[in-house]
Amino acid sequence: MTTLAIDIGGTKIAAAVCDENDSIIQRWRVPTPMDADAINQHIAEVYREAVAAGHTDIEAIGISAAGNVSADRKTLTFSANIPAWINYDLSEHVGALIDHAVPVVVENDANCAGWGEYVHGAGQGSSNMVALTVGTGLGGAIVINGQLYRGSFGMAAELGHLPMVPDGDHCGCGLRGCAERYTSGTSLENFAKSAVRRRPQDAKRLMELCGGDTKLEGPMVSQAAQEGDVLGLYAFGKIGEWLGRTMAAVSAVLDPDLFVIGGGVVAVGDILLEPARYNYQRFLEGSAYRGHAKIVAATAGQDAGLIGAANLALR
């Protein structure tokens, strides 16, 4: 028994055939077109190639997609990346191209990554886990009593859009003050740029890394922070603070035993996680009189989304 997992990212479509233990046994990778029909054709072609390569026992296709997925696990109600994905039945479109040979299950990408961590990564052994992916935005996944929680309409775990700051910074979702405006790779860059403007006397290393202009990017801030640069550490301290605040707010509702932090920004380890842990405890209701969730880095790596998509497709 195998599963074909598809992870549709902003720049690439990653695909893999996974065995019954969710281990990857064959991979594909192609650029992501911005046309919905072309994406469907890519997925169907990968399926046909997988079957031709001998994987005739594929039981389902699991698709990890960046967008809001309805409770039917078929339809994308909205996506910021693909304009056509508005009330778009991705399952039906792909299924029609392969003559509905196998079921096609669509999941939100953050849910897939979080579930991948739960079944094969840092979330193993937890009863109630929250995964937070600190990337361009802030993604979330919630596991309650060992089950992925999707909510009544498939819209649960949009934790990056918790309203954290009244009338705060504008968010791409149309609201203001969302958590991801203060905890993300984008906010890391913004905090660093702001610090450079306010403290130019401390900005030598950051200016060296970005060539002396304003093209300061997240990986440069990460490198500077790992070197001990004061402004790099400041920027991580700020997004760590807001990450801690966000986890405290989530805990007031869900009371999880574990937070798993993933995404490219977490590569700096405790430079991010220590201020996050401190501020989680600082803003946690009744902090001195209750148990605290563990806060750990994700361990499943870049394949978490594929692993999660494969596993969830059979559930």
C-alpha atoms as a PDB file:
ATOM      1  CA  MET A   1       0.000   0.000   0.000  1.00  0.00           C
ATOM      2  CA  THR A   2       1.341   3.422  -0.987  1.00  0.00           C
ATOM      3  CA  THR A   3       0.117   7.007  -1.071  1.00  0.00           C
ATOM      4  CA  LEU A   4       0.991   9.826  -3.427  1.00  0.00           C
ATOM      5  CA  ALA A   5       1.623  13.039  -1.471  1.00  0.00           C
ATOM      6  CA  ILE A   6       1.638  16.440  -3.169  1.00  0.00           C
ATOM      7  CA  ASP A   7       2.874  19.645  -1.507  1.00  0.00           C
ATOM      8  CA  ILE A   8       1.983  22.748  -3.533  1.00  0.00           C
ATOM      9  CA  GLY A   9       4.279  25.558  -2.480  1.00  0.00           C
ATOM     10  CA  GLY A  10       4.672  29.096  -3.727  1.00  0.00           C
ATOM     11  CA  THR A  11       7.612  28.219  -5.984  1.00  0.00           C
ATOM     12  CA  LYS A  12       7.592  24.430  -6.330  1.00  0.00           C
ATOM     13  CA  ILE A  13       5.338  21.390  -6.320  1.00  0.00           C
ATOM     14  CA  ALA A  14       6.972  18.600  -4.333  1.00  0.00           C
ATOM     15  CA  ALA A  15       5.578  15.103  -4.723  1.00  0.00           C
ATOM     16  CA  ALA A  16       6.420  11.747  -3.209  1.00  0.00           C
ATOM     17  CA  VAL A  17       5.222   8.183  -3.106  1.00  0.00           C
ATOM     18  CA  CYS A  18       5.066   7.117   0.541  1.00  0.00           C
ATOM     19  CA  ASP A  19       4.839   3.580   1.884  1.00  0.00           C
ATOM     20  CA  GLU A  20       2.526   2.325   4.634  1.00  0.00           C
ATOM     21  CA  ASN A  21       4.837   3.882   7.252  1.00  0.00           C
ATOM     22  CA  ASP A  22       4.792   7.270   5.465  1.00  0.00           C
ATOM     23  CA  SER A  23       8.418   6.815   4.423  1.00  0.00           C
ATOM     24  CA  ILE A  24       9.260   8.460   1.101  1.00  0.00           C
ATOM     25  CA  ILE A  25      10.325   5.994  -1.585  1.00  0.00           C
ATOM     26  CA  GLN A  26      10.296   8.179  -4.716  1.00  0.00           C
ATOM     27  CA  ARG A  27      10.241  11.950  -5.290  1.00  0.00           C
ATOM     28  CA  TRP A  28       9.332  14.506  -7.925  1.00  0.00           C
ATOM     29  CA  ARG A  29       9.733  18.269  -8.027  1.00  0.00           C
ATOM     30  CA  VAL A  30       8.507  20.814 -10.574  1.00  0.00           C
ATOM     31  CA  PRO A  31       8.072  24.620 -10.544  1.00  0.00           C
ATOM     32  CA  THR A  32       4.657  25.820  -9.397  1.00  0.00           C
ATOM     33  CA  PRO A  33       2.672  27.442 -12.201  1.00  0.00           C
ATOM     34  CA  MET A  34       0.246  30.187 -11.243  1.00  0.00           C
ATOM     35  CA  ASP A  35      -2.446  28.672 -13.460  1.00  0.00           C
ATOM     36  CA  ALA A  36      -4.842  26.290 -11.698  1.00  0.00           C
ATOM     37  CA  ASP A  37      -5.307  24.051 -14.746  1.00  0.00           C
ATOM     38  CA  ALA A  38      -1.542  23.666 -15.120  1.00  0.00           C
ATOM     39  CA  ILE A  39      -1.253  22.641 -11.462  1.00  0.00           C
ATOM     40  CA  ASN A  40      -3.943  19.998 -11.992  1.00  0.00           C
ATOM     41  CA  GLN A  41      -2.111  18.678 -15.047  1.00  0.00           C
ATOM     42  CA  HIS A  42       1.180  18.483 -13.119  1.00  0.00           C
ATOM     43  CA  ILE A  43      -0.429  16.447 -10.337  1.00  0.00           C
ATOM     44  CA  ALA A  44      -2.132  14.089 -12.778  1.00  0.00           C
ATOM     45  CA  GLU A  45       1.119  13.613 -14.701  1.00  0.00           C
ATOM     46  CA  VAL A  46       3.028  12.783 -11.514  1.00  0.00           C
ATOM     47  CA  TYR A  47       0.356  10.216 -10.646  1.00  0.00           C
ATOM     48  CA  ARG A  48       0.684   8.603 -14.070  1.00  0.00           C
ATOM     49  CA  GLU A  49       4.479   8.589 -13.799  1.00  0.00           C
ATOM     50  CA  ALA A  50       4.267   6.977 -10.364  1.00  0.00           C
ATOM     51  CA  VAL A  51       2.003   4.216 -11.653  1.00  0.00           C
ATOM     52  CA  ALA A  52       4.268   3.691 -14.680  1.00  0.00           C
ATOM     53  CA  ALA A  53       7.235   3.404 -12.281  1.00  0.00           C
ATOM     54  CA  GLY A  54       5.556   0.427 -10.634  1.00  0.00           C
ATOM     55  CA  HIS A  55       3.588   2.062  -7.835  1.00  0.00           C
ATOM     56  CA  THR A  56       0.325   0.442  -8.840  1.00  0.00           C
ATOM     57  CA  ASP A  57      -0.837   0.119  -5.243  1.00  0.00           C
ATOM     58  CA  ILE A  58      -1.439   3.846  -4.667  1.00  0.00           C
ATOM     59  CA  GLU A  59      -4.602   4.087  -2.566  1.00  0.00           C
ATOM     60  CA  ALA A  60      -5.047   7.840  -2.383  1.00  0.00           C
ATOM     61  CA  ILE A  61      -3.574  11.197  -3.357  1.00  0.00           C
ATOM     62  CA  GLY A  62      -3.064  13.628  -0.496  1.00  0.00           C
ATOM     63  CA  ILE A  63      -2.605  17.269  -1.479  1.00  0.00           C
ATOM     64  CA  SER A  64      -1.131  19.910   0.838  1.00  0.00           C
ATOM     65  CA  ALA A  65      -2.252  23.313  -0.418  1.00  0.00           C
ATOM     66  CA  ALA A  66      -1.694  26.853   0.857  1.00  0.00           C
ATOM     67  CA  GLY A  67      -5.228  28.080   1.301  1.00  0.00           C
ATOM     68  CA  ASN A  68      -8.448  27.688   3.218  1.00  0.00           C
ATOM     69  CA  VAL A  69      -9.813  24.171   2.773  1.00  0.00           C
ATOM     70  CA  SER A  70     -13.466  23.447   3.498  1.00  0.00           C
ATOM     71  CA  ALA A  71     -14.621  20.641   5.766  1.00  0.00           C
ATOM     72  CA  ASP A  72     -15.241  18.330   2.778  1.00  0.00           C
ATOM     73  CA  ARG A  73     -11.424  18.102   2.327  1.00  0.00           C
ATOM     74  CA  LYS A  74     -11.933  18.734  -1.385  1.00  0.00           C
ATOM     75  CA  THR A  75     -12.598  22.420  -1.915  1.00  0.00           C
ATOM     76  CA  LEU A  76     -10.324  25.442  -1.561  1.00  0.00           C
ATOM     77  CA  THR A  77     -12.495  28.341  -0.495  1.00  0.00           C
ATOM     78  CA  PHE A  78      -9.689  30.891  -0.841  1.00  0.00           C
ATOM     79  CA  SER A  79      -5.976  31.087  -1.536  1.00  0.00           C
ATOM     80  CA  ALA A  80      -3.702  34.116  -1.613  1.00  0.00           C
ATOM     81  CA  ASN A  81      -1.366  32.358  -4.081  1.00  0.00           C
ATOM     82  CA  ILE A  82      -3.661  31.002  -6.798  1.00  0.00           C
ATOM     83  CA  PRO A  83      -6.404  33.449  -7.909  1.00  0.00           C
ATOM     84  CA  ALA A  84      -8.620  30.664  -9.308  1.00  0.00           C
ATOM     85  CA  TRP A  85      -8.748  28.859  -5.966  1.00  0.00           C
ATOM     86  CA  ILE A  86     -11.959  30.448  -4.742  1.00  0.00           C
ATOM     87  CA  ASN A  87     -14.595  27.821  -3.963  1.00  0.00           C
ATOM     88  CA  TYR A  88     -12.493  25.575  -6.196  1.00  0.00           C
ATOM     89  CA  ASP A  89     -13.018  21.810  -6.004  1.00  0.00           C
ATOM     90  CA  LEU A  90      -9.387  20.775  -6.435  1.00  0.00           C
ATOM     91  CA  SER A  91     -10.226  17.148  -5.666  1.00  0.00           C
ATOM     92  CA  GLU A  92     -12.722  16.930  -8.506  1.00  0.00           C
ATOM     93  CA  HIS A  93     -10.499  18.702 -11.019  1.00  0.00           C
ATOM     94  CA  VAL A  94      -7.536  16.424 -10.334  1.00  0.00           C
ATOM     95  CA  GLY A  95      -9.731  13.339 -10.009  1.00  0.00           C
ATOM     96  CA  ALA A  96     -11.268  13.899 -13.427  1.00  0.00           C
ATOM     97  CA  LEU A  97      -7.815  13.932 -15.032  1.00  0.00           C
ATOM     98  CA  ILE A  98      -6.980  10.483 -13.620  1.00  0.00           C
ATOM     99  CA  ASP A  99     -10.452   9.036 -14.263  1.00  0.00           C
ATOM    100  CA  HIS A 100     -11.104   9.031 -10.513  1.00  0.00           C
ATOM    101  CA  ALA A 101      -8.757   6.062 -10.138  1.00  0.00           C
ATOM    102  CA  VAL A 102      -8.086   6.911  -6.469  1.00  0.00           C
ATOM    103  CA  PRO A 103      -9.546   9.364  -3.946  1.00  0.00           C
ATOM    104  CA  VAL A 104      -7.996  12.844  -3.906  1.00  0.00           C
ATOM    105  CA  VAL A 105      -7.885  14.457  -0.451  1.00  0.00           C
ATOM    106  CA  VAL A 106      -7.016  18.134   0.005  1.00  0.00           C
ATOM    107  CA  GLU A 107      -5.641  19.551   3.252  1.00  0.00           C
ATOM    108  CA  ASN A 108      -4.353  22.942   4.366  1.00  0.00           C
ATOM    109  CA  ASP A 109      -0.556  23.048   4.171  1.00  0.00           C
ATOM    110  CA  ALA A 110      -0.050  24.067   7.808  1.00  0.00           C
ATOM    111  CA  ASN A 111      -2.331  21.230   8.927  1.00  0.00           C
ATOM    112  CA  CYS A 112      -0.269  18.792   6.867  1.00  0.00           C
ATOM    113  CA  ALA A 113       3.032  20.031   8.289  1.00  0.00           C
ATOM    114  CA  GLY A 114       1.674  19.977  11.827  1.00  0.00           C
ATOM    115  CA  TRP A 115       0.268  16.493  11.437  1.00  0.00           C
ATOM    116  CA  GLY A 116       3.572  15.322   9.966  1.00  0.00           C
ATOM    117  CA  GLU A 117       5.265  16.558  13.144  1.00  0.00           C
ATOM    118  CA  TYR A 118       2.647  14.827  15.278  1.00  0.00           C
ATOM    119  CA  VAL A 119       2.950  11.378  13.708  1.00  0.00           C
ATOM    120  CA  HIS A 120       6.663  11.320  12.839  1.00  0.00           C
ATOM    121  CA  GLY A 121       8.349  14.323  14.434  1.00  0.00           C
ATOM    122  CA  ALA A 122       8.564  16.366  17.604  1.00  0.00           C
ATOM    123  CA  GLY A 123       4.865  15.913  18.402  1.00  0.00           C
ATOM    124  CA  GLN A 124       5.026  12.175  19.014  1.00  0.00           C
ATOM    125  CA  GLY A 125       3.606  11.207  22.400  1.00  0.00           C
ATOM    126  CA  SER A 126       1.620  14.393  22.893  1.00  0.00           C
ATOM    127  CA  SER A 127      -2.109  14.306  23.623  1.00  0.00           C
ATOM    128  CA  ASN A 128      -2.889  17.927  22.777  1.00  0.00           C
ATOM    129  CA  MET A 129      -0.413  19.643  20.476  1.00  0.00           C
ATOM    130  CA  VAL A 130      -0.288  22.964  18.685  1.00  0.00           C
ATOM    131  CA  ALA A 131       2.144  23.405  15.797  1.00  0.00           C
ATOM    132  CA  LEU A 132       3.156  26.883  14.691  1.00  0.00           C
ATOM    133  CA  THR A 133       5.034  27.416  11.439  1.00  0.00           C
ATOM    134  CA  VAL A 134       7.015  30.663  11.435  1.00  0.00           C
ATOM    135  CA  GLY A 135       7.568  31.413   7.762  1.00  0.00           C
ATOM    136  CA  THR A 136       6.489  34.257   5.512  1.00  0.00           C
ATOM    137  CA  GLY A 137       3.381  34.254   7.694  1.00  0.00           C
ATOM    138  CA  LEU A 138       2.399  32.276  10.787  1.00  0.00           C
ATOM    139  CA  GLY A 139       0.669  28.965  10.141  1.00  0.00           C
ATOM    140  CA  GLY A 140      -0.960  26.718  12.691  1.00  0.00           C
ATOM    141  CA  ALA A 141      -2.211  23.185  13.283  1.00  0.00           C
ATOM    142  CA  ILE A 142      -4.122  21.831  16.268  1.00  0.00           C
ATOM    143  CA  VAL A 143      -4.245  18.242  17.516  1.00  0.00           C
ATOM    144  CA  ILE A 144      -6.782  17.461  20.250  1.00  0.00           C
ATOM    145  CA  ASN A 145      -6.875  14.032  21.875  1.00  0.00           C
ATOM    146  CA  GLY A 146      -4.762  12.652  19.049  1.00  0.00           C
ATOM    147  CA  GLN A 147      -6.976  13.979  16.244  1.00  0.00           C
ATOM    148  CA  LEU A 148      -6.375  16.846  13.853  1.00  0.00           C
ATOM    149  CA  TYR A 149      -8.881  19.565  14.680  1.00  0.00           C
ATOM    150  CA  ARG A 150     -10.372  21.251  11.603  1.00  0.00           C
ATOM    151  CA  GLY A 151     -13.382  23.008  13.147  1.00  0.00           C
ATOM    152  CA  SER A 152     -16.946  23.047  11.881  1.00  0.00           C
ATOM    153  CA  PHE A 153     -16.102  24.676   8.553  1.00  0.00           C
ATOM    154  CA  GLY A 154     -12.530  23.473   8.055  1.00  0.00           C
ATOM    155  CA  MET A 155     -11.167  26.850   9.156  1.00  0.00           C
ATOM    156  CA  ALA A 156      -9.622  26.026  12.544  1.00  0.00           C
ATOM    157  CA  ALA A 157      -5.983  26.752  13.403  1.00  0.00           C
ATOM    158  CA  GLU A 158      -5.642  30.016  11.490  1.00  0.00           C
ATOM    159  CA  LEU A 159      -3.536  31.080  14.448  1.00  0.00           C
ATOM    160  CA  GLY A 160      -1.561  33.635  12.475  1.00  0.00           C
ATOM    161  CA  HIS A 161      -4.748  35.671  12.338  1.00  0.00           C
ATOM    162  CA  LEU A 162      -5.440  35.865  16.035  1.00  0.00           C
ATOM    163  CA  PRO A 163      -6.148  39.559  16.705  1.00  0.00           C
ATOM    164  CA  MET A 164      -3.224  40.493  18.952  1.00  0.00           C
ATOM    165  CA  VAL A 165      -2.970  44.290  18.622  1.00  0.00           C
ATOM    166  CA  PRO A 166      -6.100  46.486  18.384  1.00  0.00           C
ATOM    167  CA  ASP A 167      -5.823  48.678  15.271  1.00  0.00           C
ATOM    168  CA  GLY A 168      -2.323  47.300  14.696  1.00  0.00           C
ATOM    169  CA  ASP A 169      -0.416  46.764  11.475  1.00  0.00           C
ATOM    170  CA  HIS A 170      -2.420  45.897   8.379  1.00  0.00           C
ATOM    171  CA  CYS A 171      -2.425  42.190   7.507  1.00  0.00           C
ATOM    172  CA  GLY A 172      -2.763  40.612   4.081  1.00  0.00           C
ATOM    173  CA  CYS A 173      -6.003  38.985   5.228  1.00  0.00           C
ATOM    174  CA  GLY A 174      -7.647  42.426   5.375  1.00  0.00           C
ATOM    175  CA  LEU A 175      -7.634  42.743   9.172  1.00  0.00           C
ATOM    176  CA  ARG A 176      -5.245  44.619  11.446  1.00  0.00           C
ATOM    177  CA  GLY A 177      -3.025  43.526  14.305  1.00  0.00           C
ATOM    178  CA  CYS A 178      -2.898  39.805  13.406  1.00  0.00           C
ATOM    179  CA  ALA A 179      -0.301  37.655  15.143  1.00  0.00           C
ATOM    180  CA  GLU A 180       1.657  37.035  11.955  1.00  0.00           C
ATOM    181  CA  ARG A 181       2.285  40.761  11.552  1.00  0.00           C
ATOM    182  CA  TYR A 182       4.557  40.431  14.602  1.00  0.00           C
ATOM    183  CA  THR A 183       5.738  36.812  14.430  1.00  0.00           C
ATOM    184  CA  SER A 184       6.957  35.736  10.980  1.00  0.00           C
ATOM    185  CA  GLY A 185       9.900  35.972   8.654  1.00  0.00           C
ATOM    186  CA  THR A 186       8.421  39.184   7.313  1.00  0.00           C
ATOM    187  CA  SER A 187       8.128  40.722  10.766  1.00  0.00           C
ATOM    188  CA  LEU A 188      11.709  39.645  11.543  1.00  0.00           C
ATOM    189  CA  GLU A 189      12.881  41.723   8.583  1.00  0.00           C
ATOM    190  CA  ASN A 190      10.663  44.631   9.618  1.00  0.00           C
ATOM    191  CA  PHE A 191      11.950  44.654  13.204  1.00  0.00           C
ATOM    192  CA  ALA A 192      15.553  44.522  11.954  1.00  0.00           C
ATOM    193  CA  LYS A 193      15.031  47.362   9.447  1.00  0.00           C
ATOM    194  CA  SER A 194      13.382  49.478  12.120  1.00  0.00           C
ATOM    195  CA  ALA A 195      16.322  48.851  14.471  1.00  0.00           C
ATOM    196  CA  VAL A 196      18.799  49.827  11.759  1.00  0.00           C
ATOM    197  CA  ARG A 197      17.010  53.145  11.253  1.00  0.00           C
ATOM    198  CA  ARG A 198      16.864  53.889  14.964  1.00  0.00           C
ATOM    199  CA  ARG A 199      20.326  52.623  15.896  1.00  0.00           C
ATOM    200  CA  PRO A 200      22.610  53.114  12.883  1.00  0.00           C
ATOM    201  CA  GLN A 201      25.627  53.090  15.180  1.00  0.00           C
ATOM    202  CA  ASP A 202      24.932  49.370  15.887  1.00  0.00           C
ATOM    203  CA  ALA A 203      24.039  48.398  12.324  1.00  0.00           C
ATOM    204  CA  LYS A 204      27.492  47.751  10.862  1.00  0.00           C
ATOM    205  CA  ARG A 205      27.160  43.960  10.560  1.00  0.00           C
ATOM    206  CA  LEU A 206      23.656  44.008   9.127  1.00  0.00           C
ATOM    207  CA  MET A 207      24.718  46.617   6.582  1.00  0.00           C
ATOM    208  CA  GLU A 208      27.707  44.474   5.608  1.00  0.00           C
ATOM    209  CA  LEU A 209      25.455  41.468   5.038  1.00  0.00           C
ATOM    210  CA  CYS A 210      22.976  43.346   2.857  1.00  0.00           C
ATOM    211  CA  GLY A 211      25.564  45.280   0.893  1.00  0.00           C
ATOM    212  CA  GLY A 212      24.925  48.584   2.589  1.00  0.00           C
ATOM    213  CA  ASP A 213      21.444  49.163   1.173  1.00  0.00           C
ATOM    214  CA  THR A 214      17.917  48.437   2.392  1.00  0.00           C
ATOM    215  CA  LYS A 215      17.643  44.927   0.950  1.00  0.00           C
ATOM    216  CA  LEU A 216      17.836  43.328   4.364  1.00  0.00           C
ATOM    217  CA  GLU A 217      16.421  39.799   4.312  1.00  0.00           C
ATOM    218  CA  GLY A 218      15.582  37.245   6.979  1.00  0.00           C
ATOM    219  CA  PRO A 219      18.555  34.903   6.395  1.00  0.00           C
ATOM    220  CA  MET A 220      20.900  37.873   6.866  1.00  0.00           C
ATOM    221  CA  VAL A 221      19.265  38.701  10.194  1.00  0.00           C
ATOM    222  CA  SER A 222      19.576  35.029  11.205  1.00  0.00           C
ATOM    223  CA  GLN A 223      23.279  34.982  10.346  1.00  0.00           C
ATOM    224  CA  ALA A 224      23.906  38.185  12.259  1.00  0.00           C
ATOM    225  CA  ALA A 225      22.024  36.925  15.314  1.00  0.00           C
ATOM    226  CA  GLN A 226      23.980  33.660  15.312  1.00  0.00           C
ATOM    227  CA  GLU A 227      27.166  35.747  15.256  1.00  0.00           C
ATOM    228  CA  GLY A 228      25.950  37.634  18.334  1.00  0.00           C
ATOM    229  CA  ASP A 229      25.034  40.860  16.543  1.00  0.00           C
ATOM    230  CA  VAL A 230      23.024  43.082  18.857  1.00  0.00           C
ATOM    231  CA  LEU A 231      20.412  44.163  16.303  1.00  0.00           C
ATOM    232  CA  GLY A 232      19.973  40.659  14.935  1.00  0.00           C
ATOM    233  CA  LEU A 233      19.364  39.415  18.477  1.00  0.00           C
ATOM    234  CA  TYR A 234      16.967  42.291  19.087  1.00  0.00           C
ATOM    235  CA  ALA A 235      14.861  41.372  16.041  1.00  0.00           C
ATOM    236  CA  PHE A 236      14.631  37.744  17.130  1.00  0.00           C
ATOM    237  CA  GLY A 237      13.815  38.857  20.650  1.00  0.00           C
ATOM    238  CA  LYS A 238      10.854  40.823  19.308  1.00  0.00           C
ATOM    239  CA  ILE A 239       9.351  38.031  17.210  1.00  0.00           C
ATOM    240  CA  GLY A 240      10.085  35.641  20.090  1.00  0.00           C
ATOM    241  CA  GLU A 241       8.147  37.922  22.412  1.00  0.00           C
ATOM    242  CA  TRP A 242       5.136  37.934  20.113  1.00  0.00           C
ATOM    243  CA  LEU A 243       5.398  34.200  19.560  1.00  0.00           C
ATOM    244  CA  GLY A 244       5.247  33.756  23.336  1.00  0.00           C
ATOM    245  CA  ARG A 245       2.256  36.092  23.584  1.00  0.00           C
ATOM    246  CA  THR A 246       0.501  34.129  20.848  1.00  0.00           C
ATOM    247  CA  MET A 247       1.128  30.799  22.556  1.00  0.00           C
ATOM    248  CA  ALA A 248      -0.200  32.196  25.838  1.00  0.00           C
ATOM    249  CA  ALA A 249      -3.382  33.314  24.065  1.00  0.00           C
ATOM    250  CA  VAL A 250      -3.786  29.904  22.448  1.00  0.00           C
ATOM    251  CA  SER A 251      -3.248  28.214  25.813  1.00  0.00           C
ATOM    252  CA  ALA A 252      -6.098  30.210  27.333  1.00  0.00           C
ATOM    253  CA  VAL A 253      -8.409  28.409  24.886  1.00  0.00           C
ATOM    254  CA  LEU A 254      -6.834  24.995  24.237  1.00  0.00           C
ATOM    255  CA  ASP A 255      -4.423  24.301  27.139  1.00  0.00           C
ATOM    256  CA  PRO A 256      -2.077  22.099  25.041  1.00  0.00           C
ATOM    257  CA  ASP A 257       0.771  20.095  26.536  1.00  0.00           C
ATOM    258  CA  LEU A 258       3.120  20.837  23.629  1.00  0.00           C
ATOM    259  CA  PHE A 259       3.934  23.582  21.138  1.00  0.00           C
ATOM    260  CA  VAL A 260       6.035  22.537  18.142  1.00  0.00           C
ATOM    261  CA  ILE A 261       7.653  25.466  16.339  1.00  0.00           C
ATOM    262  CA  GLY A 262       8.622  24.966  12.709  1.00  0.00           C
ATOM    263  CA  GLY A 263       9.469  27.031   9.657  1.00  0.00           C
ATOM    264  CA  GLY A 264      12.734  28.426   8.350  1.00  0.00           C
ATOM    265  CA  VAL A 265      13.092  31.033  11.084  1.00  0.00           C
ATOM    266  CA  VAL A 266      13.385  28.380  13.820  1.00  0.00           C
ATOM    267  CA  ALA A 267      16.749  27.274  12.415  1.00  0.00           C
ATOM    268  CA  VAL A 268      18.380  29.670  14.902  1.00  0.00           C
ATOM    269  CA  GLY A 269      17.107  27.461  17.750  1.00  0.00           C
ATOM    270  CA  ASP A 270      17.121  28.987  21.219  1.00  0.00           C
ATOM    271  CA  ILE A 271      17.816  32.459  19.857  1.00  0.00           C
ATOM    272  CA  LEU A 272      14.114  32.388  18.987  1.00  0.00           C
ATOM    273  CA  LEU A 273      12.789  29.780  21.400  1.00  0.00           C
ATOM    274  CA  GLU A 274      14.186  31.215  24.632  1.00  0.00           C
ATOM    275  CA  PRO A 275      12.410  34.596  24.348  1.00  0.00           C
ATOM    276  CA  ALA A 276       9.316  32.706  23.184  1.00  0.00           C
ATOM    277  CA  ARG A 277       9.373  30.456  26.266  1.00  0.00           C
ATOM    278  CA  TYR A 278       9.980  33.409  28.596  1.00  0.00           C
ATOM    279  CA  ASN A 279       7.105  35.438  27.180  1.00  0.00           C
ATOM    280  CA  TYR A 280       4.779  32.427  27.039  1.00  0.00           C
ATOM    281  CA  GLN A 281       5.184  32.115  30.806  1.00  0.00           C
ATOM    282  CA  ARG A 282       5.022  35.871  31.260  1.00  0.00           C
ATOM    283  CA  PHE A 283       1.638  36.232  29.546  1.00  0.00           C
ATOM    284  CA  LEU A 284       0.099  32.871  30.492  1.00  0.00           C
ATOM    285  CA  GLU A 285      -2.999  33.204  32.656  1.00  0.00           C
ATOM    286  CA  GLY A 286      -2.365  31.794  36.147  1.00  0.00           C
ATOM    287  CA  SER A 287       1.181  30.955  35.106  1.00  0.00           C
ATOM    288  CA  ALA A 288       2.432  30.221  38.630  1.00  0.00           C
ATOM    289  CA  TYR A 289      -0.439  27.846  39.396  1.00  0.00           C
ATOM    290  CA  ARG A 290      -0.730  25.616  36.333  1.00  0.00           C
ATOM    291  CA  GLY A 291       1.235  23.246  34.174  1.00  0.00           C
ATOM    292  CA  HIS A 292       3.206  24.698  31.281  1.00  0.00           C
ATOM    293  CA  ALA A 293       3.358  23.320  27.780  1.00  0.00           C
ATOM    294  CA  LYS A 294       6.713  22.251  26.418  1.00  0.00           C
ATOM    295  CA  ILE A 295       7.958  24.430  23.569  1.00  0.00           C
ATOM    296  CA  VAL A 296      10.247  22.609  21.136  1.00  0.00           C
ATOM    297  CA  ALA A 297      11.584  22.957  17.615  1.00  0.00           C
ATOM    298  CA  ALA A 298      10.120  20.869  14.818  1.00  0.00           C
ATOM    299  CA  THR A 299      12.164  17.831  13.796  1.00  0.00           C
ATOM    300  CA  ALA A 300      10.429  16.341  10.731  1.00  0.00           C
ATOM    301  CA  GLY A 301      12.160  18.811   8.434  1.00  0.00           C
ATOM    302  CA  GLN A 302      11.070  19.960   5.003  1.00  0.00           C
ATOM    303  CA  ASP A 303       9.212  16.706   4.385  1.00  0.00           C
ATOM    304  CA  ALA A 304       6.696  17.301   7.189  1.00  0.00           C
ATOM    305  CA  GLY A 305       4.055  18.530   4.751  1.00  0.00           C
ATOM    306  CA  LEU A 306       4.449  15.552   2.434  1.00  0.00           C
ATOM    307  CA  ILE A 307       4.418  13.091   5.336  1.00  0.00           C
ATOM    308  CA  GLY A 308       1.336  14.715   6.824  1.00  0.00           C
ATOM    309  CA  ALA A 309      -0.496  14.809   3.498  1.00  0.00           C
ATOM    310  CA  ALA A 310       0.223  11.133   2.891  1.00  0.00           C
ATOM    311  CA  ASN A 311      -0.933  10.073   6.353  1.00  0.00           C
ATOM    312  CA  LEU A 312      -4.057  12.239   6.379  1.00  0.00           C
ATOM    313  CA  ALA A 313      -5.157  11.059   2.932  1.00  0.00           C
ATOM    314  CA  LEU A 314      -5.867   7.611   4.360  1.00  0.00           C
ATOM    315  CA  ARG A 315      -7.718   8.876   7.441  1.00  0.00           C
END
